[in-house]
Amino acid sequence: MTTTRAPRRWKVWLLTVCGIYPVLTVLVTLLTPMLDGVPQPARLALIVPVAVASMVWVITPALTRRLHGWLSR
């Protein structure tokens, strides 16, 4: 029987930072011109759900598969 240990928290943190930074950079760059004049809290209310969805269903699973060896050390 093989037991799988949970990755260290700092590795999960680093993986999340490496995933969220480009996602937020792209979203803010693309959406800022379209949301010109919209108050900042409303902009964030539109950007955050898209960023979180992309992290949960696309970015984090892809990074986890790619970096599984490093995460499990």
PDB file of N, CA and C in Angstrom:
ATOM      1  N   MET A   1       0.839  -1.178   0.000  1.00  0.00           N
ATOM      2  CA  MET A   1       0.000   0.000   0.000  1.00  0.00           C
ATOM      3  C   MET A   1       0.888   1.247   0.000  1.00  0.00           C
ATOM      4  N   THR A   2       0.564   2.172  -0.863  1.00  0.00           N
ATOM      5  CA  THR A   2       1.306   3.422  -0.957  1.00  0.00           C
ATOM      6  C   THR A   2       0.523   4.527  -0.255  1.00  0.00           C
ATOM      7  N   THR A   3       1.215   5.224   0.635  1.00  0.00           N
ATOM      8  CA  THR A   3       0.563   6.356   1.287  1.00  0.00           C
ATOM      9  C   THR A   3       1.049   7.639   0.632  1.00  0.00           C
ATOM     10  N   THR A   4       0.119   8.527   0.390  1.00  0.00           N
ATOM     11  CA  THR A   4       0.456   9.803  -0.227  1.00  0.00           C
ATOM     12  C   THR A   4       0.433  10.877   0.848  1.00  0.00           C
ATOM     13  N   ARG A   5       1.562  11.563   0.973  1.00  0.00           N
ATOM     14  CA  ARG A   5       1.659  12.645   1.942  1.00  0.00           C
ATOM     15  C   ARG A   5       1.214  13.945   1.291  1.00  0.00           C
ATOM     16  N   ALA A   6       0.517  14.752   2.034  1.00  0.00           N
ATOM     17  CA  ALA A   6       0.096  16.061   1.515  1.00  0.00           C
ATOM     18  C   ALA A   6       1.342  16.916   1.292  1.00  0.00           C
ATOM     19  N   PRO A   7       1.330  17.743   0.247  1.00  0.00           N
ATOM     20  CA  PRO A   7       2.494  18.609  -0.001  1.00  0.00           C
ATOM     21  C   PRO A   7       2.673  19.605   1.142  1.00  0.00           C
ATOM     22  N   ARG A   8       3.885  20.046   1.315  1.00  0.00           N
ATOM     23  CA  ARG A   8       4.166  21.062   2.330  1.00  0.00           C
ATOM     24  C   ARG A   8       3.409  22.339   1.970  1.00  0.00           C
ATOM     25  N   ARG A   9       2.970  23.037   3.004  1.00  0.00           N
ATOM     26  CA  ARG A   9       2.138  24.230   2.790  1.00  0.00           C
ATOM     27  C   ARG A   9       2.861  25.315   2.012  1.00  0.00           C
ATOM     28  N   TRP A  10       4.152  25.486   2.235  1.00  0.00           N
ATOM     29  CA  TRP A  10       4.879  26.536   1.526  1.00  0.00           C
ATOM     30  C   TRP A  10       4.947  26.221   0.039  1.00  0.00           C
ATOM     31  N   LYS A  11       4.960  24.925  -0.306  1.00  0.00           N
ATOM     32  CA  LYS A  11       4.975  24.560  -1.726  1.00  0.00           C
ATOM     33  C   LYS A  11       3.624  24.855  -2.370  1.00  0.00           C
ATOM     34  N   VAL A  12       2.551  24.598  -1.637  1.00  0.00           N
ATOM     35  CA  VAL A  12       1.209  24.913  -2.147  1.00  0.00           C
ATOM     36  C   VAL A  12       1.068  26.420  -2.303  1.00  0.00           C
ATOM     37  N   TRP A  13       1.575  27.167  -1.325  1.00  0.00           N
ATOM     38  CA  TRP A  13       1.546  28.631  -1.390  1.00  0.00           C
ATOM     39  C   TRP A  13       2.298  29.115  -2.631  1.00  0.00           C
ATOM     40  N   LEU A  14       3.511  28.597  -2.838  1.00  0.00           N
ATOM     41  CA  LEU A  14       4.324  29.017  -3.978  1.00  0.00           C
ATOM     42  C   LEU A  14       3.646  28.646  -5.299  1.00  0.00           C
ATOM     43  N   LEU A  15       3.078  27.467  -5.375  1.00  0.00           N
ATOM     44  CA  LEU A  15       2.355  27.040  -6.569  1.00  0.00           C
ATOM     45  C   LEU A  15       1.185  27.986  -6.858  1.00  0.00           C
ATOM     46  N   THR A  16       0.471  28.383  -5.811  1.00  0.00           N
ATOM     47  CA  THR A  16      -0.666  29.293  -5.963  1.00  0.00           C
ATOM     48  C   THR A  16      -0.210  30.674  -6.425  1.00  0.00           C
ATOM     49  N   VAL A  17       0.848  31.190  -5.828  1.00  0.00           N
ATOM     50  CA  VAL A  17       1.375  32.498  -6.232  1.00  0.00           C
ATOM     51  C   VAL A  17       1.811  32.457  -7.695  1.00  0.00           C
ATOM     52  N   CYS A  18       2.517  31.400  -8.071  1.00  0.00           N
ATOM     53  CA  CYS A  18       2.992  31.277  -9.461  1.00  0.00           C
ATOM     54  C   CYS A  18       1.837  31.137 -10.447  1.00  0.00           C
ATOM     55  N   GLY A  19       0.714  30.620  -9.998  1.00  0.00           N
ATOM     56  CA  GLY A  19      -0.456  30.503 -10.872  1.00  0.00           C
ATOM     57  C   GLY A  19      -1.291  31.764 -10.919  1.00  0.00           C
ATOM     58  N   ILE A  20      -1.503  32.386  -9.764  1.00  0.00           N
ATOM     59  CA  ILE A  20      -2.430  33.520  -9.711  1.00  0.00           C
ATOM     60  C   ILE A  20      -1.836  34.799 -10.293  1.00  0.00           C
ATOM     61  N   TYR A  21      -0.532  34.986 -10.155  1.00  0.00           N
ATOM     62  CA  TYR A  21       0.079  36.219 -10.662  1.00  0.00           C
ATOM     63  C   TYR A  21      -0.156  36.415 -12.163  1.00  0.00           C
ATOM     64  N   PRO A  22       0.169  35.437 -13.002  1.00  0.00           N
ATOM     65  CA  PRO A  22      -0.093  35.657 -14.440  1.00  0.00           C
ATOM     66  C   PRO A  22      -1.585  35.763 -14.766  1.00  0.00           C
ATOM     67  N   VAL A  23      -2.414  35.017 -14.048  1.00  0.00           N
ATOM     68  CA  VAL A  23      -3.862  35.083 -14.301  1.00  0.00           C
ATOM     69  C   VAL A  23      -4.373  36.493 -14.021  1.00  0.00           C
ATOM     70  N   LEU A  24      -4.015  37.032 -12.866  1.00  0.00           N
ATOM     71  CA  LEU A  24      -4.472  38.388 -12.525  1.00  0.00           C
ATOM     72  C   LEU A  24      -3.874  39.438 -13.451  1.00  0.00           C
ATOM     73  N   THR A  25      -2.619  39.275 -13.818  1.00  0.00           N
ATOM     74  CA  THR A  25      -1.976  40.227 -14.724  1.00  0.00           C
ATOM     75  C   THR A  25      -2.709  40.277 -16.061  1.00  0.00           C
ATOM     76  N   VAL A  26      -3.020  39.120 -16.614  1.00  0.00           N
ATOM     77  CA  VAL A  26      -3.727  39.062 -17.900  1.00  0.00           C
ATOM     78  C   VAL A  26      -5.143  39.621 -17.771  1.00  0.00           C
ATOM     79  N   LEU A  27      -5.858  39.199 -16.732  1.00  0.00           N
ATOM     80  CA  LEU A  27      -7.237  39.681 -16.569  1.00  0.00           C
ATOM     81  C   LEU A  27      -7.300  41.191 -16.384  1.00  0.00           C
ATOM     82  N   VAL A  28      -6.443  41.724 -15.534  1.00  0.00           N
ATOM     83  CA  VAL A  28      -6.456  43.171 -15.296  1.00  0.00           C
ATOM     84  C   VAL A  28      -6.068  43.917 -16.569  1.00  0.00           C
ATOM     85  N   THR A  29      -5.069  43.429 -17.289  1.00  0.00           N
ATOM     86  CA  THR A  29      -4.626  44.080 -18.523  1.00  0.00           C
ATOM     87  C   THR A  29      -5.730  44.075 -19.583  1.00  0.00           C
ATOM     88  N   LEU A  30      -6.413  42.938 -19.717  1.00  0.00           N
ATOM     89  CA  LEU A  30      -7.449  42.834 -20.747  1.00  0.00           C
ATOM     90  C   LEU A  30      -8.742  43.549 -20.369  1.00  0.00           C
ATOM     91  N   LEU A  31      -9.116  43.479 -19.097  1.00  0.00           N
ATOM     92  CA  LEU A  31     -10.424  43.995 -18.701  1.00  0.00           C
ATOM     93  C   LEU A  31     -10.435  45.456 -18.277  1.00  0.00           C
ATOM     94  N   THR A  32      -9.294  46.015 -17.907  1.00  0.00           N
ATOM     95  CA  THR A  32      -9.270  47.410 -17.466  1.00  0.00           C
ATOM     96  C   THR A  32      -9.816  48.363 -18.524  1.00  0.00           C
ATOM     97  N   PRO A  33      -9.421  48.251 -19.793  1.00  0.00           N
ATOM     98  CA  PRO A  33      -9.996  49.170 -20.790  1.00  0.00           C
ATOM     99  C   PRO A  33     -11.517  49.015 -20.944  1.00  0.00           C
ATOM    100  N   MET A  34     -12.010  47.782 -20.813  1.00  0.00           N
ATOM    101  CA  MET A  34     -13.451  47.543 -20.955  1.00  0.00           C
ATOM    102  C   MET A  34     -14.231  48.023 -19.736  1.00  0.00           C
ATOM    103  N   LEU A  35     -13.570  48.053 -18.578  1.00  0.00           N
ATOM    104  CA  LEU A  35     -14.254  48.423 -17.343  1.00  0.00           C
ATOM    105  C   LEU A  35     -13.907  49.840 -16.892  1.00  0.00           C
ATOM    106  N   ASP A  36     -13.425  50.635 -17.824  1.00  0.00           N
ATOM    107  CA  ASP A  36     -13.075  52.017 -17.502  1.00  0.00           C
ATOM    108  C   ASP A  36     -14.325  52.742 -17.004  1.00  0.00           C
ATOM    109  N   GLY A  37     -14.209  53.389 -15.880  1.00  0.00           N
ATOM    110  CA  GLY A  37     -15.341  54.098 -15.307  1.00  0.00           C
ATOM    111  C   GLY A  37     -16.123  53.281 -14.292  1.00  0.00           C
ATOM    112  N   VAL A  38     -15.840  51.982 -14.239  1.00  0.00           N
ATOM    113  CA  VAL A  38     -16.504  51.125 -13.254  1.00  0.00           C
ATOM    114  C   VAL A  38     -15.725  51.243 -11.946  1.00  0.00           C
ATOM    115  N   PRO A  39     -16.400  51.425 -10.830  1.00  0.00           N
ATOM    116  CA  PRO A  39     -15.690  51.548  -9.548  1.00  0.00           C
ATOM    117  C   PRO A  39     -14.830  50.309  -9.249  1.00  0.00           C
ATOM    118  N   GLN A  40     -13.716  50.533  -8.563  1.00  0.00           N
ATOM    119  CA  GLN A  40     -12.759  49.463  -8.271  1.00  0.00           C
ATOM    120  C   GLN A  40     -13.398  48.241  -7.599  1.00  0.00           C
ATOM    121  N   PRO A  41     -14.248  48.400  -6.590  1.00  0.00           N
ATOM    122  CA  PRO A  41     -14.860  47.206  -5.990  1.00  0.00           C
ATOM    123  C   PRO A  41     -15.674  46.383  -6.996  1.00  0.00           C
ATOM    124  N   ALA A  42     -16.337  47.044  -7.917  1.00  0.00           N
ATOM    125  CA  ALA A  42     -17.110  46.325  -8.940  1.00  0.00           C
ATOM    126  C   ALA A  42     -16.170  45.612  -9.910  1.00  0.00           C
ATOM    127  N   ARG A  43     -15.055  46.248 -10.260  1.00  0.00           N
ATOM    128  CA  ARG A  43     -14.064  45.578 -11.119  1.00  0.00           C
ATOM    129  C   ARG A  43     -13.573  44.298 -10.474  1.00  0.00           C
ATOM    130  N   LEU A  44     -13.237  44.413  -9.194  1.00  0.00           N
ATOM    131  CA  LEU A  44     -12.758  43.231  -8.470  1.00  0.00           C
ATOM    132  C   LEU A  44     -13.839  42.161  -8.380  1.00  0.00           C
ATOM    133  N   ALA A  45     -15.092  42.584  -8.228  1.00  0.00           N
ATOM    134  CA  ALA A  45     -16.201  41.634  -8.164  1.00  0.00           C
ATOM    135  C   ALA A  45     -16.356  40.866  -9.477  1.00  0.00           C
ATOM    136  N   LEU A  46     -15.894  41.424 -10.574  1.00  0.00           N
ATOM    137  CA  LEU A  46     -15.929  40.741 -11.866  1.00  0.00           C
ATOM    138  C   LEU A  46     -14.672  39.912 -12.119  1.00  0.00           C
ATOM    139  N   ILE A  47     -13.520  40.442 -11.698  1.00  0.00           N
ATOM    140  CA  ILE A  47     -12.244  39.776 -11.984  1.00  0.00           C
ATOM    141  C   ILE A  47     -11.990  38.588 -11.059  1.00  0.00           C
ATOM    142  N   VAL A  48     -12.292  38.729  -9.785  1.00  0.00           N
ATOM    143  CA  VAL A  48     -11.969  37.674  -8.812  1.00  0.00           C
ATOM    144  C   VAL A  48     -12.650  36.341  -9.131  1.00  0.00           C
ATOM    145  N   PRO A  49     -13.946  36.291  -9.436  1.00  0.00           N
ATOM    146  CA  PRO A  49     -14.546  34.987  -9.756  1.00  0.00           C
ATOM    147  C   PRO A  49     -13.929  34.320 -10.986  1.00  0.00           C
ATOM    148  N   VAL A  50     -13.559  35.103 -11.976  1.00  0.00           N
ATOM    149  CA  VAL A  50     -12.916  34.535 -13.170  1.00  0.00           C
ATOM    150  C   VAL A  50     -11.535  33.984 -12.806  1.00  0.00           C
ATOM    151  N   ALA A  51     -10.785  34.733 -12.007  1.00  0.00           N
ATOM    152  CA  ALA A  51      -9.451  34.286 -11.591  1.00  0.00           C
ATOM    153  C   ALA A  51      -9.540  33.016 -10.749  1.00  0.00           C
ATOM    154  N   VAL A  52     -10.470  32.986  -9.807  1.00  0.00           N
ATOM    155  CA  VAL A  52     -10.607  31.811  -8.944  1.00  0.00           C
ATOM    156  C   VAL A  52     -11.049  30.592  -9.752  1.00  0.00           C
ATOM    157  N   ALA A  53     -11.999  30.773 -10.643  1.00  0.00           N
ATOM    158  CA  ALA A  53     -12.454  29.658 -11.478  1.00  0.00           C
ATOM    159  C   ALA A  53     -11.312  29.107 -12.324  1.00  0.00           C
ATOM    160  N   SER A  54     -10.525  29.984 -12.918  1.00  0.00           N
ATOM    161  CA  SER A  54      -9.407  29.506 -13.735  1.00  0.00           C
ATOM    162  C   SER A  54      -8.363  28.791 -12.880  1.00  0.00           C
ATOM    163  N   MET A  55      -8.157  29.266 -11.654  1.00  0.00           N
ATOM    164  CA  MET A  55      -7.204  28.596 -10.764  1.00  0.00           C
ATOM    165  C   MET A  55      -7.719  27.223 -10.342  1.00  0.00           C
ATOM    166  N   VAL A  56      -8.995  27.129  -9.978  1.00  0.00           N
ATOM    167  CA  VAL A  56      -9.547  25.876  -9.458  1.00  0.00           C
ATOM    168  C   VAL A  56      -9.654  24.801 -10.543  1.00  0.00           C
ATOM    169  N   TRP A  57     -10.119  25.186 -11.735  1.00  0.00           N
ATOM    170  CA  TRP A  57     -10.404  24.178 -12.748  1.00  0.00           C
ATOM    171  C   TRP A  57      -9.352  24.032 -13.844  1.00  0.00           C
ATOM    172  N   VAL A  58      -8.432  24.992 -13.966  1.00  0.00           N
ATOM    173  CA  VAL A  58      -7.453  24.903 -15.060  1.00  0.00           C
ATOM    174  C   VAL A  58      -6.012  24.976 -14.542  1.00  0.00           C
ATOM    175  N   ILE A  59      -5.641  26.079 -13.945  1.00  0.00           N
ATOM    176  CA  ILE A  59      -4.243  26.364 -13.614  1.00  0.00           C
ATOM    177  C   ILE A  59      -3.700  25.426 -12.536  1.00  0.00           C
ATOM    178  N   THR A  60      -4.373  25.341 -11.389  1.00  0.00           N
ATOM    179  CA  THR A  60      -3.866  24.510 -10.290  1.00  0.00           C
ATOM    180  C   THR A  60      -3.778  23.037 -10.674  1.00  0.00           C
ATOM    181  N   PRO A  61      -4.794  22.450 -11.295  1.00  0.00           N
ATOM    182  CA  PRO A  61      -4.639  21.039 -11.699  1.00  0.00           C
ATOM    183  C   PRO A  61      -3.474  20.832 -12.672  1.00  0.00           C
ATOM    184  N   ALA A  62      -3.297  21.756 -13.611  1.00  0.00           N
ATOM    185  CA  ALA A  62      -2.194  21.618 -14.569  1.00  0.00           C
ATOM    186  C   ALA A  62      -0.840  21.732 -13.872  1.00  0.00           C
ATOM    187  N   LEU A  63      -0.705  22.726 -12.993  1.00  0.00           N
ATOM    188  CA  LEU A  63       0.557  22.886 -12.271  1.00  0.00           C
ATOM    189  C   LEU A  63       0.823  21.709 -11.335  1.00  0.00           C
ATOM    190  N   THR A  64      -0.221  21.208 -10.693  1.00  0.00           N
ATOM    191  CA  THR A  64      -0.066  20.069  -9.785  1.00  0.00           C
ATOM    192  C   THR A  64       0.391  18.825 -10.535  1.00  0.00           C
ATOM    193  N   ARG A  65      -0.189  18.572 -11.699  1.00  0.00           N
ATOM    194  CA  ARG A  65       0.247  17.415 -12.503  1.00  0.00           C
ATOM    195  C   ARG A  65       1.697  17.583 -12.942  1.00  0.00           C
ATOM    196  N   ARG A  66       2.019  18.778 -13.407  1.00  0.00           N
ATOM    197  CA  ARG A  66       3.373  19.038 -13.925  1.00  0.00           C
ATOM    198  C   ARG A  66       4.435  18.987 -12.825  1.00  0.00           C
ATOM    199  N   LEU A  67       4.083  19.451 -11.627  1.00  0.00           N
ATOM    200  CA  LEU A  67       5.064  19.556 -10.538  1.00  0.00           C
ATOM    201  C   LEU A  67       4.834  18.522  -9.437  1.00  0.00           C
ATOM    202  N   HIS A  68       4.142  17.429  -9.747  1.00  0.00           N
ATOM    203  CA  HIS A  68       3.820  16.410  -8.753  1.00  0.00           C
ATOM    204  C   HIS A  68       5.074  15.880  -8.031  1.00  0.00           C
ATOM    205  N   GLY A  69       6.118  15.603  -8.767  1.00  0.00           N
ATOM    206  CA  GLY A  69       7.339  15.094  -8.155  1.00  0.00           C
ATOM    207  C   GLY A  69       7.917  16.053  -7.121  1.00  0.00           C
ATOM    208  N   TRP A  70       7.968  17.325  -7.465  1.00  0.00           N
ATOM    209  CA  TRP A  70       8.489  18.335  -6.553  1.00  0.00           C
ATOM    210  C   TRP A  70       7.573  18.515  -5.349  1.00  0.00           C
ATOM    211  N   LEU A  71       6.259  18.522  -5.592  1.00  0.00           N
ATOM    212  CA  LEU A  71       5.314  18.713  -4.504  1.00  0.00           C
ATOM    213  C   LEU A  71       5.362  17.555  -3.499  1.00  0.00           C
ATOM    214  N   SER A  72       5.609  16.367  -3.963  1.00  0.00           N
ATOM    215  CA  SER A  72       5.569  15.201  -3.075  1.00  0.00           C
ATOM    216  C   SER A  72       6.888  14.938  -2.356  1.00  0.00           C
ATOM    217  N   ARG A  73       7.924  15.693  -2.669  1.00  0.00           N
ATOM    218  CA  ARG A  73       9.214  15.498  -1.964  1.00  0.00           C
ATOM    219  C   ARG A  73       9.177  16.060  -0.600  1.00  0.00           C
TER     220      ARG A  73
END
